[in-house]
Each structure stands twice: as C-alpha cells, then as structure tokens.
Amino acid sequence: VQLKVPRRQFYCKNCQKYFTERLEFIDWGRKYTQRYEEYIYHRVNASSVEQVKREEDLSWDQVQGIYKNQCEHRKKKNGVRSSV
C-alpha cells in the first residue's frame, strides 16, 4: 500500500517567502514516514539490503539511504556522536 500525502505550500506576506507544511510523521527532507523507515531498518537487520529492496520494490540506494538515516537517528537518540 502506498499513500501519497501532498505537502501544502504557504506564502508569508511578512517575509514574502514560501514555506512547506511540516508533517509530524515524516522527517524534514525525507520521502517516507518515520514508521516505514523504522520498518525498513528492522527488515535489513533481519535479512539483507538485497532482500528488502526486492520485497519492497525499492532501489538499493533507497534502502541503504533509509538504513543510514535510521542509524544516524538512533545514534543521536542514544547520545552517540557520529564519526562521519
């Protein structure tokens, strides 16, 4: 199941700039919901990037990007500094 959630843009008359609506269930700059990214992270840990990409119809880069993003998110959450 794939949901398409349109993001609305608004215009600020004071600063004369456009801004995009923030959605609490999608991290800024990401395409997938937080829950789906967590699901992909756990799936990769239990199997492999190759298997997840086939079963979820994603590219290798998409799966790897989601996995890396989740790793960074977990490091920040647990107070571990990133060496990247």
PDB file of N, CA and C in Angstrom:
ATOM      1  N   VAL A   1       0.845  -1.176   0.000  1.00  0.00           N
ATOM      2  CA  VAL A   1       0.000   0.000   0.000  1.00  0.00           C
ATOM      3  C   VAL A   1       0.889   1.237   0.000  1.00  0.00           C
ATOM      4  N   GLN A   2       0.588   2.131  -0.879  1.00  0.00           N
ATOM      5  CA  GLN A   2       1.367   3.355  -0.969  1.00  0.00           C
ATOM      6  C   GLN A   2       0.428   4.543  -0.829  1.00  0.00           C
ATOM      7  N   LEU A   3       0.758   5.423   0.091  1.00  0.00           N
ATOM      8  CA  LEU A   3      -0.043   6.627   0.301  1.00  0.00           C
ATOM      9  C   LEU A   3       0.713   7.827  -0.252  1.00  0.00           C
ATOM     10  N   LYS A   4       0.011   8.688  -0.942  1.00  0.00           N
ATOM     11  CA  LYS A   4       0.614   9.926  -1.416  1.00  0.00           C
ATOM     12  C   LYS A   4       0.004  11.056  -0.603  1.00  0.00           C
ATOM     13  N   VAL A   5       0.851  11.715   0.161  1.00  0.00           N
ATOM     14  CA  VAL A   5       0.397  12.799   1.022  1.00  0.00           C
ATOM     15  C   VAL A   5       0.928  14.106   0.440  1.00  0.00           C
ATOM     16  N   PRO A   6       0.050  14.905  -0.134  1.00  0.00           N
ATOM     17  CA  PRO A   6       0.536  16.164  -0.698  1.00  0.00           C
ATOM     18  C   PRO A   6       0.958  17.127   0.408  1.00  0.00           C
ATOM     19  N   ARG A   7       2.081  17.768   0.202  1.00  0.00           N
ATOM     20  CA  ARG A   7       2.544  18.775   1.152  1.00  0.00           C
ATOM     21  C   ARG A   7       2.125  20.137   0.623  1.00  0.00           C
ATOM     22  N   ARG A   8       1.472  20.870   1.484  1.00  0.00           N
ATOM     23  CA  ARG A   8       0.984  22.187   1.079  1.00  0.00           C
ATOM     24  C   ARG A   8       2.074  23.228   1.238  1.00  0.00           C
ATOM     25  N   GLN A   9       2.049  24.202   0.343  1.00  0.00           N
ATOM     26  CA  GLN A   9       2.958  25.334   0.461  1.00  0.00           C
ATOM     27  C   GLN A   9       2.138  26.566   0.820  1.00  0.00           C
ATOM     28  N   PHE A  10       2.728  27.397   1.658  1.00  0.00           N
ATOM     29  CA  PHE A  10       2.079  28.621   2.098  1.00  0.00           C
ATOM     30  C   PHE A  10       2.983  29.807   1.791  1.00  0.00           C
ATOM     31  N   TYR A  11       2.366  30.965   1.697  1.00  0.00           N
ATOM     32  CA  TYR A  11       3.111  32.181   1.421  1.00  0.00           C
ATOM     33  C   TYR A  11       2.981  33.119   2.611  1.00  0.00           C
ATOM     34  N   CYS A  12       4.125  33.620   3.087  1.00  0.00           N
ATOM     35  CA  CYS A  12       4.136  34.570   4.196  1.00  0.00           C
ATOM     36  C   CYS A  12       4.197  35.986   3.625  1.00  0.00           C
ATOM     37  N   LYS A  13       3.181  36.773   3.920  1.00  0.00           N
ATOM     38  CA  LYS A  13       3.141  38.145   3.408  1.00  0.00           C
ATOM     39  C   LYS A  13       4.189  39.029   4.075  1.00  0.00           C
ATOM     40  N   ASN A  14       4.548  38.688   5.319  1.00  0.00           N
ATOM     41  CA  ASN A  14       5.540  39.496   6.032  1.00  0.00           C
ATOM     42  C   ASN A  14       6.941  39.349   5.437  1.00  0.00           C
ATOM     43  N   CYS A  15       7.403  38.133   5.279  1.00  0.00           N
ATOM     44  CA  CYS A  15       8.761  37.916   4.767  1.00  0.00           C
ATOM     45  C   CYS A  15       8.780  37.651   3.260  1.00  0.00           C
ATOM     46  N   GLN A  16       7.604  37.541   2.669  1.00  0.00           N
ATOM     47  CA  GLN A  16       7.435  37.324   1.231  1.00  0.00           C
ATOM     48  C   GLN A  16       8.171  36.075   0.733  1.00  0.00           C
ATOM     49  N   LYS A  17       8.041  34.998   1.520  1.00  0.00           N
ATOM     50  CA  LYS A  17       8.652  33.723   1.147  1.00  0.00           C
ATOM     51  C   LYS A  17       7.620  32.608   1.261  1.00  0.00           C
ATOM     52  N   TYR A  18       7.860  31.556   0.495  1.00  0.00           N
ATOM     53  CA  TYR A  18       7.033  30.364   0.581  1.00  0.00           C
ATOM     54  C   TYR A  18       7.651  29.391   1.573  1.00  0.00           C
ATOM     55  N   PHE A  19       6.816  28.628   2.244  1.00  0.00           N
ATOM     56  CA  PHE A  19       7.307  27.566   3.119  1.00  0.00           C
ATOM     57  C   PHE A  19       6.376  26.365   2.994  1.00  0.00           C
ATOM     58  N   THR A  20       6.942  25.202   3.245  1.00  0.00           N
ATOM     59  CA  THR A  20       6.220  23.940   3.097  1.00  0.00           C
ATOM     60  C   THR A  20       5.728  23.457   4.453  1.00  0.00           C
ATOM     61  N   GLU A  21       4.535  22.934   4.451  1.00  0.00           N
ATOM     62  CA  GLU A  21       3.918  22.394   5.657  1.00  0.00           C
ATOM     63  C   GLU A  21       4.765  21.259   6.227  1.00  0.00           C
ATOM     64  N   ARG A  22       4.974  21.278   7.526  1.00  0.00           N
ATOM     65  CA  ARG A  22       5.689  20.188   8.217  1.00  0.00           C
ATOM     66  C   ARG A  22       4.673  19.142   8.640  1.00  0.00           C
ATOM     67  N   LEU A  23       5.032  17.900   8.439  1.00  0.00           N
ATOM     68  CA  LEU A  23       4.188  16.790   8.871  1.00  0.00           C
ATOM     69  C   LEU A  23       4.934  16.034   9.958  1.00  0.00           C
ATOM     70  N   GLU A  24       4.300  15.833  11.100  1.00  0.00           N
ATOM     71  CA  GLU A  24       4.995  15.244  12.253  1.00  0.00           C
ATOM     72  C   GLU A  24       5.398  13.790  12.042  1.00  0.00           C
ATOM     73  N   PHE A  25       4.783  13.092  11.103  1.00  0.00           N
ATOM     74  CA  PHE A  25       5.107  11.683  10.886  1.00  0.00           C
ATOM     75  C   PHE A  25       6.111  11.458   9.755  1.00  0.00           C
ATOM     76  N   ILE A  26       6.587  12.550   9.123  1.00  0.00           N
ATOM     77  CA  ILE A  26       7.628  12.466   8.098  1.00  0.00           C
ATOM     78  C   ILE A  26       8.727  13.447   8.481  1.00  0.00           C
ATOM     79  N   ASP A  27       9.954  12.946   8.639  1.00  0.00           N
ATOM     80  CA  ASP A  27      11.070  13.835   8.973  1.00  0.00           C
ATOM     81  C   ASP A  27      11.328  14.798   7.820  1.00  0.00           C
ATOM     82  N   TRP A  28      11.810  15.997   8.156  1.00  0.00           N
ATOM     83  CA  TRP A  28      12.066  17.024   7.166  1.00  0.00           C
ATOM     84  C   TRP A  28      13.078  16.526   6.129  1.00  0.00           C
ATOM     85  N   GLY A  29      12.745  16.681   4.863  1.00  0.00           N
ATOM     86  CA  GLY A  29      13.640  16.278   3.791  1.00  0.00           C
ATOM     87  C   GLY A  29      13.572  14.803   3.427  1.00  0.00           C
ATOM     88  N   ARG A  30      12.680  14.062   4.066  1.00  0.00           N
ATOM     89  CA  ARG A  30      12.558  12.624   3.801  1.00  0.00           C
ATOM     90  C   ARG A  30      11.285  12.360   2.987  1.00  0.00           C
ATOM     91  N   LYS A  31      11.262  11.245   2.269  1.00  0.00           N
ATOM     92  CA  LYS A  31      10.110  10.881   1.445  1.00  0.00           C
ATOM     93  C   LYS A  31       9.172   9.891   2.127  1.00  0.00           C
ATOM     94  N   TYR A  32       9.699   9.173   3.117  1.00  0.00           N
ATOM     95  CA  TYR A  32       8.935   8.089   3.725  1.00  0.00           C
ATOM     96  C   TYR A  32       8.577   8.426   5.164  1.00  0.00           C
ATOM     97  N   THR A  33       7.509   7.806   5.652  1.00  0.00           N
ATOM     98  CA  THR A  33       7.117   8.048   7.040  1.00  0.00           C
ATOM     99  C   THR A  33       8.175   7.473   7.982  1.00  0.00           C
ATOM    100  N   GLN A  34       8.211   8.010   9.173  1.00  0.00           N
ATOM    101  CA  GLN A  34       9.155   7.527  10.187  1.00  0.00           C
ATOM    102  C   GLN A  34       8.915   6.042  10.458  1.00  0.00           C
ATOM    103  N   ARG A  35       7.670   5.674  10.517  1.00  0.00           N
ATOM    104  CA  ARG A  35       7.317   4.282  10.811  1.00  0.00           C
ATOM    105  C   ARG A  35       7.802   3.334   9.710  1.00  0.00           C
ATOM    106  N   TYR A  36       7.643   3.752   8.445  1.00  0.00           N
ATOM    107  CA  TYR A  36       8.104   2.908   7.339  1.00  0.00           C
ATOM    108  C   TYR A  36       9.627   2.797   7.352  1.00  0.00           C
ATOM    109  N   GLU A  37      10.323   3.891   7.642  1.00  0.00           N
ATOM    110  CA  GLU A  37      11.782   3.853   7.702  1.00  0.00           C
ATOM    111  C   GLU A  37      12.260   2.942   8.842  1.00  0.00           C
ATOM    112  N   GLU A  38      11.567   2.963   9.974  1.00  0.00           N
ATOM    113  CA  GLU A  38      11.908   2.059  11.071  1.00  0.00           C
ATOM    114  C   GLU A  38      11.685   0.599  10.650  1.00  0.00           C
ATOM    115  N   TYR A  39      10.597   0.370   9.936  1.00  0.00           N
ATOM    116  CA  TYR A  39      10.285  -0.970   9.430  1.00  0.00           C
ATOM    117  C   TYR A  39      11.402  -1.465   8.508  1.00  0.00           C
ATOM    118  N   ILE A  40      11.847  -0.620   7.578  1.00  0.00           N
ATOM    119  CA  ILE A  40      12.925  -0.989   6.648  1.00  0.00           C
ATOM    120  C   ILE A  40      14.205  -1.264   7.420  1.00  0.00           C
ATOM    121  N   TYR A  41      14.509  -0.442   8.410  1.00  0.00           N
ATOM    122  CA  TYR A  41      15.711  -0.629   9.234  1.00  0.00           C
ATOM    123  C   TYR A  41      15.703  -2.015   9.891  1.00  0.00           C
ATOM    124  N   HIS A  42      14.586  -2.374  10.496  1.00  0.00           N
ATOM    125  CA  HIS A  42      14.492  -3.677  11.167  1.00  0.00           C
ATOM    126  C   HIS A  42      14.541  -4.833  10.164  1.00  0.00           C
ATOM    127  N   ARG A  43      13.929  -4.638   9.010  1.00  0.00           N
ATOM    128  CA  ARG A  43      13.965  -5.678   7.973  1.00  0.00           C
ATOM    129  C   ARG A  43      15.390  -5.929   7.493  1.00  0.00           C
ATOM    130  N   VAL A  44      16.171  -4.855   7.283  1.00  0.00           N
ATOM    131  CA  VAL A  44      17.560  -5.013   6.834  1.00  0.00           C
ATOM    132  C   VAL A  44      18.375  -5.725   7.909  1.00  0.00           C
ATOM    133  N   ASN A  45      18.144  -5.382   9.173  1.00  0.00           N
ATOM    134  CA  ASN A  45      18.859  -6.057  10.264  1.00  0.00           C
ATOM    135  C   ASN A  45      18.547  -7.548  10.318  1.00  0.00           C
ATOM    136  N   ALA A  46      17.338  -7.914   9.937  1.00  0.00           N
ATOM    137  CA  ALA A  46      16.923  -9.315   9.992  1.00  0.00           C
ATOM    138  C   ALA A  46      17.274 -10.092   8.725  1.00  0.00           C
ATOM    139  N   SER A  47      17.545  -9.376   7.625  1.00  0.00           N
ATOM    140  CA  SER A  47      17.857 -10.083   6.379  1.00  0.00           C
ATOM    141  C   SER A  47      19.004  -9.377   5.663  1.00  0.00           C
ATOM    142  N   SER A  48      18.712  -8.714   4.554  1.00  0.00           N
ATOM    143  CA  SER A  48      19.748  -8.002   3.802  1.00  0.00           C
ATOM    144  C   SER A  48      19.120  -6.879   2.987  1.00  0.00           C
ATOM    145  N   VAL A  49      19.969  -5.963   2.539  1.00  0.00           N
ATOM    146  CA  VAL A  49      19.503  -4.872   1.687  1.00  0.00           C
ATOM    147  C   VAL A  49      18.893  -5.440   0.415  1.00  0.00           C
ATOM    148  N   GLU A  50      19.554  -6.419  -0.170  1.00  0.00           N
ATOM    149  CA  GLU A  50      19.071  -7.031  -1.414  1.00  0.00           C
ATOM    150  C   GLU A  50      17.669  -7.618  -1.263  1.00  0.00           C
ATOM    151  N   GLN A  51      17.444  -8.348  -0.194  1.00  0.00           N
ATOM    152  CA  GLN A  51      16.137  -8.979   0.009  1.00  0.00           C
ATOM    153  C   GLN A  51      15.062  -7.915   0.244  1.00  0.00           C
ATOM    154  N   VAL A  52      15.372  -6.912   1.060  1.00  0.00           N
ATOM    155  CA  VAL A  52      14.394  -5.857   1.349  1.00  0.00           C
ATOM    156  C   VAL A  52      14.071  -5.069   0.091  1.00  0.00           C
ATOM    157  N   LYS A  53      15.075  -4.760  -0.703  1.00  0.00           N
ATOM    158  CA  LYS A  53      14.827  -3.986  -1.934  1.00  0.00           C
ATOM    159  C   LYS A  53      13.903  -4.741  -2.884  1.00  0.00           C
ATOM    160  N   ARG A  54      14.106  -6.040  -2.999  1.00  0.00           N
ATOM    161  CA  ARG A  54      13.236  -6.848  -3.863  1.00  0.00           C
ATOM    162  C   ARG A  54      11.807  -6.886  -3.332  1.00  0.00           C
ATOM    163  N   GLU A  55      11.669  -7.165  -2.040  1.00  0.00           N
ATOM    164  CA  GLU A  55      10.340  -7.333  -1.458  1.00  0.00           C
ATOM    165  C   GLU A  55       9.568  -6.024  -1.328  1.00  0.00           C
ATOM    166  N   GLU A  56      10.271  -4.918  -1.166  1.00  0.00           N
ATOM    167  CA  GLU A  56       9.600  -3.628  -1.006  1.00  0.00           C
ATOM    168  C   GLU A  56       9.564  -2.804  -2.297  1.00  0.00           C
ATOM    169  N   ASP A  57      10.147  -3.344  -3.364  1.00  0.00           N
ATOM    170  CA  ASP A  57      10.199  -2.664  -4.658  1.00  0.00           C
ATOM    171  C   ASP A  57      10.863  -1.286  -4.539  1.00  0.00           C
ATOM    172  N   LEU A  58      12.018  -1.271  -3.870  1.00  0.00           N
ATOM    173  CA  LEU A  58      12.824  -0.068  -3.708  1.00  0.00           C
ATOM    174  C   LEU A  58      14.179  -0.305  -4.367  1.00  0.00           C
ATOM    175  N   SER A  59      14.892   0.767  -4.650  1.00  0.00           N
ATOM    176  CA  SER A  59      16.243   0.606  -5.186  1.00  0.00           C
ATOM    177  C   SER A  59      17.208   0.330  -4.036  1.00  0.00           C
ATOM    178  N   TRP A  60      18.393  -0.170  -4.393  1.00  0.00           N
ATOM    179  CA  TRP A  60      19.419  -0.421  -3.388  1.00  0.00           C
ATOM    180  C   TRP A  60      19.760   0.885  -2.674  1.00  0.00           C
ATOM    181  N   ASP A  61      19.874   1.979  -3.425  1.00  0.00           N
ATOM    182  CA  ASP A  61      20.201   3.285  -2.842  1.00  0.00           C
ATOM    183  C   ASP A  61      19.123   3.763  -1.870  1.00  0.00           C
ATOM    184  N   GLN A  62      17.859   3.518  -2.206  1.00  0.00           N
ATOM    185  CA  GLN A  62      16.775   3.918  -1.309  1.00  0.00           C
ATOM    186  C   GLN A  62      16.852   3.163   0.008  1.00  0.00           C
ATOM    187  N   VAL A  63      17.027   1.852  -0.066  1.00  0.00           N
ATOM    188  CA  VAL A  63      17.102   1.036   1.153  1.00  0.00           C
ATOM    189  C   VAL A  63      18.320   1.450   1.975  1.00  0.00           C
ATOM    190  N   GLN A  64      19.454   1.601   1.316  1.00  0.00           N
ATOM    191  CA  GLN A  64      20.681   1.989   2.009  1.00  0.00           C
ATOM    192  C   GLN A  64      20.531   3.376   2.650  1.00  0.00           C
ATOM    193  N   GLY A  65      19.898   4.314   1.932  1.00  0.00           N
ATOM    194  CA  GLY A  65      19.681   5.661   2.467  1.00  0.00           C
ATOM    195  C   GLY A  65      18.784   5.651   3.693  1.00  0.00           C
ATOM    196  N   ILE A  66      17.722   4.866   3.634  1.00  0.00           N
ATOM    197  CA  ILE A  66      16.815   4.735   4.776  1.00  0.00           C
ATOM    198  C   ILE A  66      17.567   4.131   5.956  1.00  0.00           C
ATOM    199  N   TYR A  67      18.335   3.090   5.687  1.00  0.00           N
ATOM    200  CA  TYR A  67      19.066   2.408   6.756  1.00  0.00           C
ATOM    201  C   TYR A  67      20.073   3.352   7.413  1.00  0.00           C
ATOM    202  N   LYS A  68      20.833   4.067   6.611  1.00  0.00           N
ATOM    203  CA  LYS A  68      21.820   5.010   7.157  1.00  0.00           C
ATOM    204  C   LYS A  68      21.147   6.116   7.952  1.00  0.00           C
ATOM    205  N   ASN A  69      20.028   6.625   7.444  1.00  0.00           N
ATOM    206  CA  ASN A  69      19.301   7.669   8.152  1.00  0.00           C
ATOM    207  C   ASN A  69      18.825   7.166   9.515  1.00  0.00           C
ATOM    208  N   GLN A  70      18.324   5.948   9.560  1.00  0.00           N
ATOM    209  CA  GLN A  70      17.867   5.367  10.820  1.00  0.00           C
ATOM    210  C   GLN A  70      19.033   5.141  11.781  1.00  0.00           C
ATOM    211  N   CYS A  71      20.181   4.726  11.259  1.00  0.00           N
ATOM    212  CA  CYS A  71      21.371   4.552  12.108  1.00  0.00           C
ATOM    213  C   CYS A  71      21.761   5.884  12.750  1.00  0.00           C
ATOM    214  N   GLU A  72      21.784   6.948  11.942  1.00  0.00           N
ATOM    215  CA  GLU A  72      22.131   8.273  12.473  1.00  0.00           C
ATOM    216  C   GLU A  72      21.105   8.740  13.493  1.00  0.00           C
ATOM    217  N   HIS A  73      19.842   8.512  13.193  1.00  0.00           N
ATOM    218  CA  HIS A  73      18.764   8.903  14.107  1.00  0.00           C
ATOM    219  C   HIS A  73      18.923   8.185  15.456  1.00  0.00           C
ATOM    220  N   ARG A  74      19.258   6.917  15.411  1.00  0.00           N
ATOM    221  CA  ARG A  74      19.428   6.135  16.638  1.00  0.00           C
ATOM    222  C   ARG A  74      20.672   6.570  17.409  1.00  0.00           C
ATOM    223  N   LYS A  75      21.731   6.927  16.701  1.00  0.00           N
ATOM    224  CA  LYS A  75      22.945   7.422  17.364  1.00  0.00           C
ATOM    225  C   LYS A  75      22.639   8.712  18.121  1.00  0.00           C
ATOM    226  N   LYS A  76      21.918   9.627  17.464  1.00  0.00           N
ATOM    227  CA  LYS A  76      21.562  10.893  18.111  1.00  0.00           C
ATOM    228  C   LYS A  76      20.655  10.656  19.308  1.00  0.00           C
ATOM    229  N   LYS A  77      19.701   9.757  19.134  1.00  0.00           N
ATOM    230  CA  LYS A  77      18.749   9.453  20.206  1.00  0.00           C
ATOM    231  C   LYS A  77      19.454   8.869  21.421  1.00  0.00           C
ATOM    232  N   ASN A  78      20.486   8.056  21.172  1.00  0.00           N
ATOM    233  CA  ASN A  78      21.222   7.404  22.252  1.00  0.00           C
ATOM    234  C   ASN A  78      22.443   8.198  22.706  1.00  0.00           C
ATOM    235  N   GLY A  79      22.656   9.370  22.122  1.00  0.00           N
ATOM    236  CA  GLY A  79      23.759  10.228  22.546  1.00  0.00           C
ATOM    237  C   GLY A  79      25.120   9.799  22.051  1.00  0.00           C
ATOM    238  N   VAL A  80      25.172   9.051  20.958  1.00  0.00           N
ATOM    239  CA  VAL A  80      26.446   8.614  20.388  1.00  0.00           C
ATOM    240  C   VAL A  80      26.801   9.569  19.259  1.00  0.00           C
ATOM    241  N   ARG A  81      28.019  10.086  19.278  1.00  0.00           N
ATOM    242  CA  ARG A  81      28.451  11.006  18.230  1.00  0.00           C
ATOM    243  C   ARG A  81      28.744  10.257  16.943  1.00  0.00           C
ATOM    244  N   SER A  82      28.441  10.913  15.842  1.00  0.00           N
ATOM    245  CA  SER A  82      28.725  10.336  14.535  1.00  0.00           C
ATOM    246  C   SER A  82      30.155  10.652  14.134  1.00  0.00           C
ATOM    247  N   SER A  83      30.838   9.685  13.540  1.00  0.00           N
ATOM    248  CA  SER A  83      32.211   9.903  13.095  1.00  0.00           C
ATOM    249  C   SER A  83      32.257  10.359  11.648  1.00  0.00           C
ATOM    250  N   VAL A  84      31.115  10.516  11.008  1.00  0.00           N
ATOM    251  CA  VAL A  84      31.056  10.911   9.606  1.00  0.00           C
ATOM    252  C   VAL A  84      31.121  12.399   9.471  1.00  0.00           C
TER     253      VAL A  84
END
